[in-house]
Amino acid sequence: MDLEDDITVVGEAANGAEAVERARATRPDVVLMDIRIPKVDGIQATAQIALKDAGPAELLHAIRVIAAGEALLAPRITRRLIGQVTAHRRAANVAEDRLAVLSQREREVLALVGRGLSNDEIGGELVLSPAAARTHVSRAMAKLGARDRAQLVVIVYQTGLVSR
């Protein structure tokens, strides 16, 4: 697929894991990565591929990309963005692990606690009796080691179950 005299395609990949393998094997000057790809997404795959400062080939490529009306991030900015995204993903994984002890219904109830709903309101929202809602709240508190509803609300926001 070499359509340009000055550009040689050295590999293509169907997913992020394959992209990392091919990039490590071929050591290309430039890697174009889609963010939404199967297995390992583009952000994670890019983080696994060694980034470097722009050389002449990258600068020529950048000029062509920008001239075509596309956006391009400097490697320094890309590294920072990748760092932030991967840190957020690690935090999300920790949050998911923390919530793994809850049933799906307990998660739903917990999200409503985070929104400030009372047991009566939770029951109305989820078609439960207030007693059943209270039971789910109590079980979530016990499983998460929370001493009161206020701590549950903190956990809800820390884990991203509900956002501002």
N, C-alpha and C. Protein backbone atom coordinates (compact mmCIF):
# COMPACT_ATOMS: atom_id res chain seq x y z
N MET A 1 0.83 -1.19 0.00
CA MET A 1 0.00 0.00 0.00
C MET A 1 0.87 1.25 0.00
N ASP A 2 1.96 1.25 -0.74
CA ASP A 2 2.85 2.40 -0.85
C ASP A 2 2.39 3.29 -1.99
N LEU A 3 1.57 4.28 -1.69
CA LEU A 3 1.01 5.16 -2.70
C LEU A 3 1.87 6.39 -2.94
N GLU A 4 2.77 6.68 -2.04
CA GLU A 4 3.64 7.84 -2.15
C GLU A 4 5.08 7.36 -2.26
N ASP A 5 5.87 8.04 -3.10
CA ASP A 5 7.26 7.65 -3.29
C ASP A 5 8.08 7.80 -2.01
N ASP A 6 7.73 8.79 -1.20
CA ASP A 6 8.53 9.08 -0.01
C ASP A 6 7.96 8.47 1.27
N ILE A 7 6.90 7.67 1.15
CA ILE A 7 6.29 7.03 2.32
C ILE A 7 6.19 5.54 2.06
N THR A 8 6.69 4.76 3.00
CA THR A 8 6.62 3.31 2.90
C THR A 8 5.85 2.77 4.10
N VAL A 9 4.81 2.03 3.83
CA VAL A 9 4.04 1.39 4.90
C VAL A 9 4.76 0.08 5.25
N VAL A 10 5.16 -0.04 6.50
CA VAL A 10 5.90 -1.25 6.91
C VAL A 10 5.03 -2.23 7.69
N GLY A 11 3.79 -1.85 7.97
CA GLY A 11 2.91 -2.77 8.67
C GLY A 11 1.55 -2.18 8.94
N GLU A 12 0.60 -3.08 9.12
CA GLU A 12 -0.76 -2.72 9.52
C GLU A 12 -1.19 -3.71 10.58
N ALA A 13 -2.14 -3.28 11.43
CA ALA A 13 -2.59 -4.15 12.51
C ALA A 13 -4.09 -4.04 12.66
N ALA A 14 -4.70 -5.13 13.07
CA ALA A 14 -6.15 -5.17 13.25
C ALA A 14 -6.58 -4.78 14.66
N ASN A 15 -5.62 -4.78 15.60
CA ASN A 15 -5.95 -4.44 16.99
C ASN A 15 -4.71 -3.86 17.67
N GLY A 16 -4.90 -3.33 18.86
CA GLY A 16 -3.82 -2.67 19.57
C GLY A 16 -2.65 -3.57 19.93
N ALA A 17 -2.96 -4.79 20.36
CA ALA A 17 -1.89 -5.72 20.74
C ALA A 17 -1.01 -6.03 19.52
N GLU A 18 -1.65 -6.24 18.39
CA GLU A 18 -0.91 -6.52 17.15
C GLU A 18 -0.10 -5.28 16.73
N ALA A 19 -0.65 -4.09 16.92
CA ALA A 19 0.06 -2.86 16.57
C ALA A 19 1.34 -2.72 17.38
N VAL A 20 1.27 -3.04 18.68
CA VAL A 20 2.46 -2.97 19.53
C VAL A 20 3.51 -3.95 19.03
N GLU A 21 3.10 -5.18 18.74
CA GLU A 21 4.05 -6.20 18.25
C GLU A 21 4.71 -5.75 16.96
N ARG A 22 3.91 -5.26 16.01
CA ARG A 22 4.46 -4.85 14.71
C ARG A 22 5.36 -3.64 14.84
N ALA A 23 4.98 -2.69 15.69
CA ALA A 23 5.81 -1.49 15.87
C ALA A 23 7.15 -1.86 16.49
N ARG A 24 7.15 -2.78 17.44
CA ARG A 24 8.41 -3.22 18.06
C ARG A 24 9.27 -3.99 17.07
N ALA A 25 8.63 -4.75 16.20
CA ALA A 25 9.38 -5.56 15.23
C ALA A 25 9.94 -4.71 14.09
N THR A 26 9.18 -3.73 13.60
CA THR A 26 9.59 -2.97 12.42
C THR A 26 10.26 -1.64 12.76
N ARG A 27 10.08 -1.14 13.99
CA ARG A 27 10.65 0.13 14.44
C ARG A 27 10.39 1.26 13.43
N PRO A 28 9.12 1.55 13.12
CA PRO A 28 8.81 2.58 12.12
C PRO A 28 9.11 3.98 12.64
N ASP A 29 9.27 4.92 11.71
CA ASP A 29 9.47 6.32 12.09
C ASP A 29 8.19 6.95 12.60
N VAL A 30 7.06 6.51 12.04
CA VAL A 30 5.76 7.07 12.37
C VAL A 30 4.76 5.94 12.56
N VAL A 31 3.91 6.07 13.59
CA VAL A 31 2.83 5.12 13.81
C VAL A 31 1.53 5.92 13.83
N LEU A 32 0.59 5.54 12.98
CA LEU A 32 -0.75 6.13 13.02
C LEU A 32 -1.62 5.16 13.80
N MET A 33 -2.27 5.66 14.84
CA MET A 33 -3.00 4.78 15.74
C MET A 33 -4.43 5.29 15.91
N ASP A 34 -5.39 4.41 15.70
CA ASP A 34 -6.78 4.71 15.99
C ASP A 34 -6.98 4.50 17.48
N ILE A 35 -7.73 5.37 18.12
CA ILE A 35 -7.95 5.23 19.56
C ILE A 35 -8.89 4.08 19.87
N ARG A 36 -9.91 3.89 19.06
CA ARG A 36 -10.91 2.85 19.32
C ARG A 36 -10.64 1.63 18.47
N ILE A 37 -9.82 0.75 19.00
CA ILE A 37 -9.52 -0.52 18.33
C ILE A 37 -9.66 -1.64 19.33
N PRO A 38 -9.89 -2.87 18.84
CA PRO A 38 -10.12 -4.00 19.76
C PRO A 38 -8.87 -4.41 20.54
N LYS A 39 -9.12 -5.25 21.53
CA LYS A 39 -8.13 -5.83 22.44
C LYS A 39 -7.46 -4.75 23.28
N VAL A 40 -6.37 -4.20 22.84
CA VAL A 40 -5.70 -3.10 23.54
C VAL A 40 -6.05 -1.84 22.77
N ASP A 41 -6.68 -0.84 23.45
CA ASP A 41 -7.09 0.34 22.70
C ASP A 41 -5.88 1.18 22.29
N GLY A 42 -6.11 2.14 21.41
CA GLY A 42 -5.03 2.94 20.83
C GLY A 42 -4.21 3.70 21.85
N ILE A 43 -4.83 4.20 22.90
CA ILE A 43 -4.09 4.93 23.94
C ILE A 43 -3.13 3.99 24.65
N GLN A 44 -3.62 2.83 25.07
CA GLN A 44 -2.76 1.87 25.75
C GLN A 44 -1.67 1.36 24.83
N ALA A 45 -2.01 1.09 23.57
CA ALA A 45 -1.01 0.60 22.63
C ALA A 45 0.08 1.65 22.41
N THR A 46 -0.33 2.90 22.26
CA THR A 46 0.64 3.97 22.06
C THR A 46 1.56 4.11 23.28
N ALA A 47 0.99 3.94 24.46
CA ALA A 47 1.80 4.01 25.68
C ALA A 47 2.85 2.90 25.72
N GLN A 48 2.55 1.76 25.11
CA GLN A 48 3.49 0.63 25.10
C GLN A 48 4.56 0.77 24.02
N ILE A 49 4.31 1.61 23.02
CA ILE A 49 5.28 1.82 21.94
C ILE A 49 6.18 2.97 22.37
N ALA A 50 7.48 2.78 22.29
CA ALA A 50 8.42 3.83 22.70
C ALA A 50 8.22 5.07 21.84
N LEU A 51 7.96 6.23 22.49
CA LEU A 51 7.82 7.50 21.78
C LEU A 51 9.17 8.20 21.74
N LYS A 52 9.38 9.04 20.74
CA LYS A 52 10.65 9.76 20.65
C LYS A 52 10.39 11.16 20.15
N ASP A 53 11.40 12.04 20.28
CA ASP A 53 11.27 13.40 19.77
C ASP A 53 11.22 13.38 18.26
N ALA A 54 10.58 14.37 17.69
CA ALA A 54 10.38 14.41 16.25
C ALA A 54 11.69 14.59 15.50
N GLY A 55 11.90 13.74 14.52
CA GLY A 55 13.03 13.87 13.61
C GLY A 55 12.51 14.37 12.27
N PRO A 56 13.37 14.41 11.26
CA PRO A 56 12.95 14.94 9.95
C PRO A 56 11.74 14.21 9.36
N ALA A 57 11.70 12.90 9.46
CA ALA A 57 10.57 12.15 8.87
C ALA A 57 9.26 12.52 9.57
N GLU A 58 9.30 12.62 10.90
CA GLU A 58 8.09 12.98 11.64
C GLU A 58 7.65 14.40 11.32
N LEU A 59 8.63 15.31 11.17
CA LEU A 59 8.28 16.69 10.85
C LEU A 59 7.62 16.79 9.47
N LEU A 60 8.16 16.08 8.49
CA LEU A 60 7.54 16.07 7.16
C LEU A 60 6.13 15.50 7.22
N HIS A 61 5.99 14.44 7.97
CA HIS A 61 4.66 13.84 8.13
C HIS A 61 3.71 14.83 8.80
N ALA A 62 4.18 15.47 9.85
CA ALA A 62 3.35 16.43 10.57
C ALA A 62 2.91 17.56 9.66
N ILE A 63 3.81 18.03 8.82
CA ILE A 63 3.46 19.10 7.88
C ILE A 63 2.36 18.64 6.94
N ARG A 64 2.48 17.42 6.44
CA ARG A 64 1.47 16.89 5.52
C ARG A 64 0.11 16.74 6.23
N VAL A 65 0.14 16.24 7.44
CA VAL A 65 -1.10 16.05 8.20
C VAL A 65 -1.79 17.38 8.45
N ILE A 66 -1.03 18.35 8.90
CA ILE A 66 -1.60 19.66 9.21
C ILE A 66 -2.08 20.35 7.93
N ALA A 67 -1.31 20.24 6.85
CA ALA A 67 -1.71 20.84 5.58
C ALA A 67 -3.02 20.25 5.06
N ALA A 68 -3.27 18.99 5.41
CA ALA A 68 -4.52 18.32 5.01
C ALA A 68 -5.69 18.71 5.90
N GLY A 69 -5.43 19.58 6.88
CA GLY A 69 -6.52 20.04 7.75
C GLY A 69 -6.74 19.20 8.99
N GLU A 70 -5.87 18.26 9.24
CA GLU A 70 -6.00 17.41 10.43
C GLU A 70 -5.23 18.02 11.60
N ALA A 71 -5.51 17.52 12.80
CA ALA A 71 -4.81 17.98 14.00
C ALA A 71 -3.68 17.02 14.34
N LEU A 72 -2.66 17.54 14.99
CA LEU A 72 -1.52 16.71 15.37
C LEU A 72 -0.99 17.21 16.70
N LEU A 73 -0.72 16.29 17.62
CA LEU A 73 -0.16 16.66 18.92
C LEU A 73 1.34 16.42 18.92
N ALA A 74 2.06 17.32 19.57
CA ALA A 74 3.50 17.12 19.72
C ALA A 74 3.73 15.90 20.61
N PRO A 75 4.84 15.16 20.38
CA PRO A 75 5.10 13.97 21.19
C PRO A 75 5.07 14.24 22.69
N ARG A 76 5.58 15.39 23.11
CA ARG A 76 5.58 15.75 24.53
C ARG A 76 4.16 15.83 25.07
N ILE A 77 3.26 16.44 24.29
CA ILE A 77 1.85 16.56 24.69
C ILE A 77 1.19 15.19 24.66
N THR A 78 1.51 14.41 23.64
CA THR A 78 0.95 13.07 23.53
C THR A 78 1.34 12.22 24.73
N ARG A 79 2.62 12.29 25.13
CA ARG A 79 3.07 11.52 26.31
C ARG A 79 2.29 11.93 27.56
N ARG A 80 2.10 13.24 27.72
CA ARG A 80 1.37 13.72 28.89
C ARG A 80 -0.08 13.24 28.85
N LEU A 81 -0.70 13.31 27.68
CA LEU A 81 -2.08 12.85 27.52
C LEU A 81 -2.18 11.35 27.81
N ILE A 82 -1.26 10.58 27.26
CA ILE A 82 -1.25 9.14 27.50
C ILE A 82 -1.08 8.85 28.99
N GLY A 83 -0.19 9.58 29.64
CA GLY A 83 0.02 9.41 31.08
C GLY A 83 -1.24 9.68 31.88
N GLN A 84 -1.95 10.75 31.50
CA GLN A 84 -3.19 11.08 32.21
C GLN A 84 -4.26 10.03 31.98
N VAL A 85 -4.38 9.58 30.74
CA VAL A 85 -5.41 8.59 30.43
C VAL A 85 -5.11 7.27 31.11
N THR A 86 -3.85 6.84 31.09
CA THR A 86 -3.52 5.57 31.73
C THR A 86 -3.65 5.67 33.25
N ALA A 87 -3.32 6.82 33.82
CA ALA A 87 -3.51 7.00 35.28
C ALA A 87 -5.00 6.93 35.61
N HIS A 88 -5.82 7.55 34.76
CA HIS A 88 -7.27 7.52 34.99
C HIS A 88 -7.78 6.08 34.87
N ARG A 89 -7.25 5.34 33.89
CA ARG A 89 -7.68 3.94 33.72
C ARG A 89 -7.27 3.10 34.92
N ARG A 90 -6.06 3.33 35.43
CA ARG A 90 -5.63 2.57 36.62
C ARG A 90 -6.56 2.87 37.79
N ALA A 91 -6.90 4.15 37.96
CA ALA A 91 -7.83 4.52 39.03
C ALA A 91 -9.20 3.88 38.81
N ALA A 92 -9.64 3.85 37.56
CA ALA A 92 -10.92 3.21 37.25
C ALA A 92 -10.88 1.72 37.55
N ASN A 93 -9.75 1.08 37.26
CA ASN A 93 -9.62 -0.35 37.56
C ASN A 93 -9.66 -0.60 39.06
N VAL A 94 -9.01 0.26 39.84
CA VAL A 94 -9.06 0.14 41.30
C VAL A 94 -10.49 0.32 41.78
N ALA A 95 -11.18 1.32 41.21
CA ALA A 95 -12.57 1.56 41.59
C ALA A 95 -13.44 0.37 41.24
N GLU A 96 -13.22 -0.19 40.05
CA GLU A 96 -14.01 -1.35 39.62
C GLU A 96 -13.76 -2.53 40.56
N ASP A 97 -12.50 -2.72 40.96
CA ASP A 97 -12.18 -3.80 41.90
C ASP A 97 -12.91 -3.58 43.23
N ARG A 98 -12.95 -2.34 43.68
CA ARG A 98 -13.61 -2.03 44.95
C ARG A 98 -15.11 -2.31 44.88
N LEU A 99 -15.71 -2.02 43.74
CA LEU A 99 -17.15 -2.23 43.58
C LEU A 99 -17.52 -3.65 43.19
N ALA A 100 -16.52 -4.48 42.90
CA ALA A 100 -16.77 -5.85 42.43
C ALA A 100 -17.54 -6.68 43.46
N VAL A 101 -17.48 -6.31 44.72
CA VAL A 101 -18.16 -7.07 45.77
C VAL A 101 -19.67 -6.83 45.76
N LEU A 102 -20.12 -5.82 45.02
CA LEU A 102 -21.54 -5.47 45.02
C LEU A 102 -22.29 -6.18 43.91
N SER A 103 -23.55 -6.48 44.19
CA SER A 103 -24.44 -7.00 43.13
C SER A 103 -24.82 -5.83 42.23
N GLN A 104 -25.39 -6.13 41.08
CA GLN A 104 -25.83 -5.08 40.16
C GLN A 104 -26.88 -4.20 40.82
N ARG A 105 -27.80 -4.78 41.57
CA ARG A 105 -28.84 -4.00 42.25
C ARG A 105 -28.22 -3.09 43.31
N GLU A 106 -27.23 -3.62 44.04
CA GLU A 106 -26.56 -2.79 45.05
C GLU A 106 -25.83 -1.61 44.40
N ARG A 107 -25.27 -1.81 43.23
CA ARG A 107 -24.63 -0.71 42.50
C ARG A 107 -25.67 0.35 42.11
N GLU A 108 -26.82 -0.12 41.64
CA GLU A 108 -27.88 0.82 41.26
C GLU A 108 -28.33 1.63 42.47
N VAL A 109 -28.51 0.95 43.59
CA VAL A 109 -28.93 1.62 44.82
C VAL A 109 -27.84 2.59 45.27
N LEU A 110 -26.59 2.15 45.21
CA LEU A 110 -25.47 2.99 45.62
C LEU A 110 -25.39 4.26 44.78
N ALA A 111 -25.61 4.14 43.48
CA ALA A 111 -25.60 5.32 42.61
C ALA A 111 -26.69 6.31 43.03
N LEU A 112 -27.85 5.80 43.41
CA LEU A 112 -28.93 6.68 43.84
C LEU A 112 -28.64 7.30 45.21
N VAL A 113 -27.95 6.56 46.07
CA VAL A 113 -27.50 7.14 47.35
C VAL A 113 -26.56 8.30 47.04
N GLY A 114 -25.68 8.10 46.07
CA GLY A 114 -24.74 9.15 45.67
C GLY A 114 -25.43 10.39 45.14
N ARG A 115 -26.59 10.21 44.56
CA ARG A 115 -27.37 11.36 44.07
C ARG A 115 -28.19 12.00 45.17
N GLY A 116 -28.10 11.45 46.40
CA GLY A 116 -28.78 12.05 47.54
C GLY A 116 -30.19 11.57 47.79
N LEU A 117 -30.61 10.47 47.16
CA LEU A 117 -31.96 9.98 47.35
C LEU A 117 -32.11 9.26 48.68
N SER A 118 -33.29 9.38 49.27
CA SER A 118 -33.63 8.66 50.50
C SER A 118 -34.03 7.23 50.13
N ASN A 119 -34.21 6.39 51.15
CA ASN A 119 -34.65 5.02 50.88
C ASN A 119 -36.02 5.00 50.19
N ASP A 120 -36.92 5.87 50.61
CA ASP A 120 -38.23 5.96 49.97
C ASP A 120 -38.09 6.33 48.49
N GLU A 121 -37.24 7.31 48.22
CA GLU A 121 -37.04 7.76 46.84
C GLU A 121 -36.35 6.67 45.99
N ILE A 122 -35.40 5.98 46.60
CA ILE A 122 -34.72 4.88 45.90
C ILE A 122 -35.74 3.79 45.56
N GLY A 123 -36.58 3.47 46.53
CA GLY A 123 -37.63 2.47 46.29
C GLY A 123 -38.54 2.87 45.15
N GLY A 124 -38.93 4.14 45.11
CA GLY A 124 -39.78 4.63 44.03
C GLY A 124 -39.08 4.58 42.68
N GLU A 125 -37.81 4.90 42.66
CA GLU A 125 -37.03 4.91 41.42
C GLU A 125 -36.82 3.50 40.86
N LEU A 126 -36.58 2.54 41.76
CA LEU A 126 -36.26 1.18 41.34
C LEU A 126 -37.41 0.19 41.52
N VAL A 127 -38.57 0.69 41.87
CA VAL A 127 -39.76 -0.13 42.12
C VAL A 127 -39.44 -1.17 43.20
N LEU A 128 -39.01 -0.67 44.35
CA LEU A 128 -38.71 -1.50 45.53
C LEU A 128 -39.46 -0.91 46.71
N SER A 129 -39.67 -1.72 47.71
CA SER A 129 -40.22 -1.15 48.95
C SER A 129 -39.09 -0.38 49.63
N PRO A 130 -39.43 0.60 50.46
CA PRO A 130 -38.38 1.31 51.20
C PRO A 130 -37.54 0.36 52.05
N ALA A 131 -38.15 -0.69 52.57
CA ALA A 131 -37.41 -1.67 53.38
C ALA A 131 -36.38 -2.41 52.52
N ALA A 132 -36.76 -2.77 51.30
CA ALA A 132 -35.83 -3.45 50.40
C ALA A 132 -34.69 -2.51 50.02
N ALA A 133 -35.01 -1.24 49.77
CA ALA A 133 -33.97 -0.26 49.46
C ALA A 133 -33.01 -0.13 50.64
N ARG A 134 -33.55 -0.06 51.86
CA ARG A 134 -32.74 0.04 53.07
C ARG A 134 -31.83 -1.18 53.21
N THR A 135 -32.35 -2.36 52.89
CA THR A 135 -31.55 -3.59 52.95
C THR A 135 -30.39 -3.52 51.97
N HIS A 136 -30.64 -3.06 50.75
CA HIS A 136 -29.57 -2.94 49.76
C HIS A 136 -28.52 -1.93 50.20
N VAL A 137 -28.96 -0.81 50.77
CA VAL A 137 -28.03 0.20 51.27
C VAL A 137 -27.18 -0.41 52.39
N SER A 138 -27.81 -1.12 53.31
CA SER A 138 -27.09 -1.73 54.43
C SER A 138 -26.06 -2.75 53.95
N ARG A 139 -26.45 -3.57 52.98
CA ARG A 139 -25.52 -4.57 52.43
C ARG A 139 -24.34 -3.90 51.75
N ALA A 140 -24.60 -2.84 50.99
CA ALA A 140 -23.53 -2.12 50.31
C ALA A 140 -22.58 -1.51 51.34
N MET A 141 -23.15 -0.94 52.42
CA MET A 141 -22.32 -0.37 53.48
C MET A 141 -21.42 -1.43 54.09
N ALA A 142 -22.00 -2.59 54.39
CA ALA A 142 -21.21 -3.67 55.00
C ALA A 142 -20.12 -4.16 54.05
N LYS A 143 -20.47 -4.37 52.80
CA LYS A 143 -19.49 -4.89 51.83
C LYS A 143 -18.36 -3.91 51.56
N LEU A 144 -18.67 -2.61 51.60
CA LEU A 144 -17.66 -1.59 51.31
C LEU A 144 -16.98 -1.05 52.56
N GLY A 145 -17.43 -1.51 53.73
CA GLY A 145 -16.81 -1.06 54.98
C GLY A 145 -17.12 0.40 55.32
N ALA A 146 -18.27 0.87 54.89
CA ALA A 146 -18.68 2.24 55.17
C ALA A 146 -19.47 2.28 56.46
N ARG A 147 -19.23 3.28 57.28
CA ARG A 147 -19.94 3.34 58.57
C ARG A 147 -21.26 4.09 58.48
N ASP A 148 -21.44 4.89 57.40
CA ASP A 148 -22.70 5.63 57.24
C ASP A 148 -22.92 6.01 55.78
N ARG A 149 -24.06 6.62 55.53
CA ARG A 149 -24.41 7.02 54.15
C ARG A 149 -23.42 8.03 53.60
N ALA A 150 -22.92 8.90 54.46
CA ALA A 150 -21.96 9.91 54.00
C ALA A 150 -20.72 9.24 53.40
N GLN A 151 -20.25 8.20 54.07
CA GLN A 151 -19.10 7.47 53.52
C GLN A 151 -19.46 6.79 52.21
N LEU A 152 -20.68 6.29 52.10
CA LEU A 152 -21.11 5.70 50.83
C LEU A 152 -21.07 6.73 49.70
N VAL A 153 -21.52 7.94 49.99
CA VAL A 153 -21.51 8.99 48.98
C VAL A 153 -20.07 9.28 48.54
N VAL A 154 -19.15 9.33 49.48
CA VAL A 154 -17.74 9.55 49.14
C VAL A 154 -17.24 8.43 48.23
N ILE A 155 -17.56 7.20 48.57
CA ILE A 155 -17.15 6.05 47.76
C ILE A 155 -17.74 6.14 46.36
N VAL A 156 -19.00 6.55 46.27
CA VAL A 156 -19.67 6.67 44.97
C VAL A 156 -18.88 7.62 44.07
N TYR A 157 -18.47 8.75 44.61
CA TYR A 157 -17.74 9.74 43.80
C TYR A 157 -16.29 9.32 43.57
N GLN A 158 -15.65 8.70 44.56
CA GLN A 158 -14.28 8.24 44.38
C GLN A 158 -14.17 7.19 43.28
N THR A 159 -15.15 6.33 43.21
CA THR A 159 -15.12 5.24 42.23
C THR A 159 -15.68 5.66 40.89
N GLY A 160 -16.26 6.83 40.80
CA GLY A 160 -16.81 7.29 39.53
C GLY A 160 -18.16 6.67 39.19
N LEU A 161 -18.78 6.01 40.17
CA LEU A 161 -20.10 5.42 39.92
C LEU A 161 -21.09 6.50 39.54
N VAL A 162 -20.93 7.67 40.15
CA VAL A 162 -21.70 8.86 39.80
C VAL A 162 -20.70 9.99 39.68
N SER A 163 -20.85 10.82 38.67
CA SER A 163 -19.98 11.98 38.55
C SER A 163 -20.78 13.24 38.78
N ARG A 164 -20.10 14.30 39.03
CA ARG A 164 -20.74 15.57 39.37
C ARG A 164 -21.84 15.91 38.47
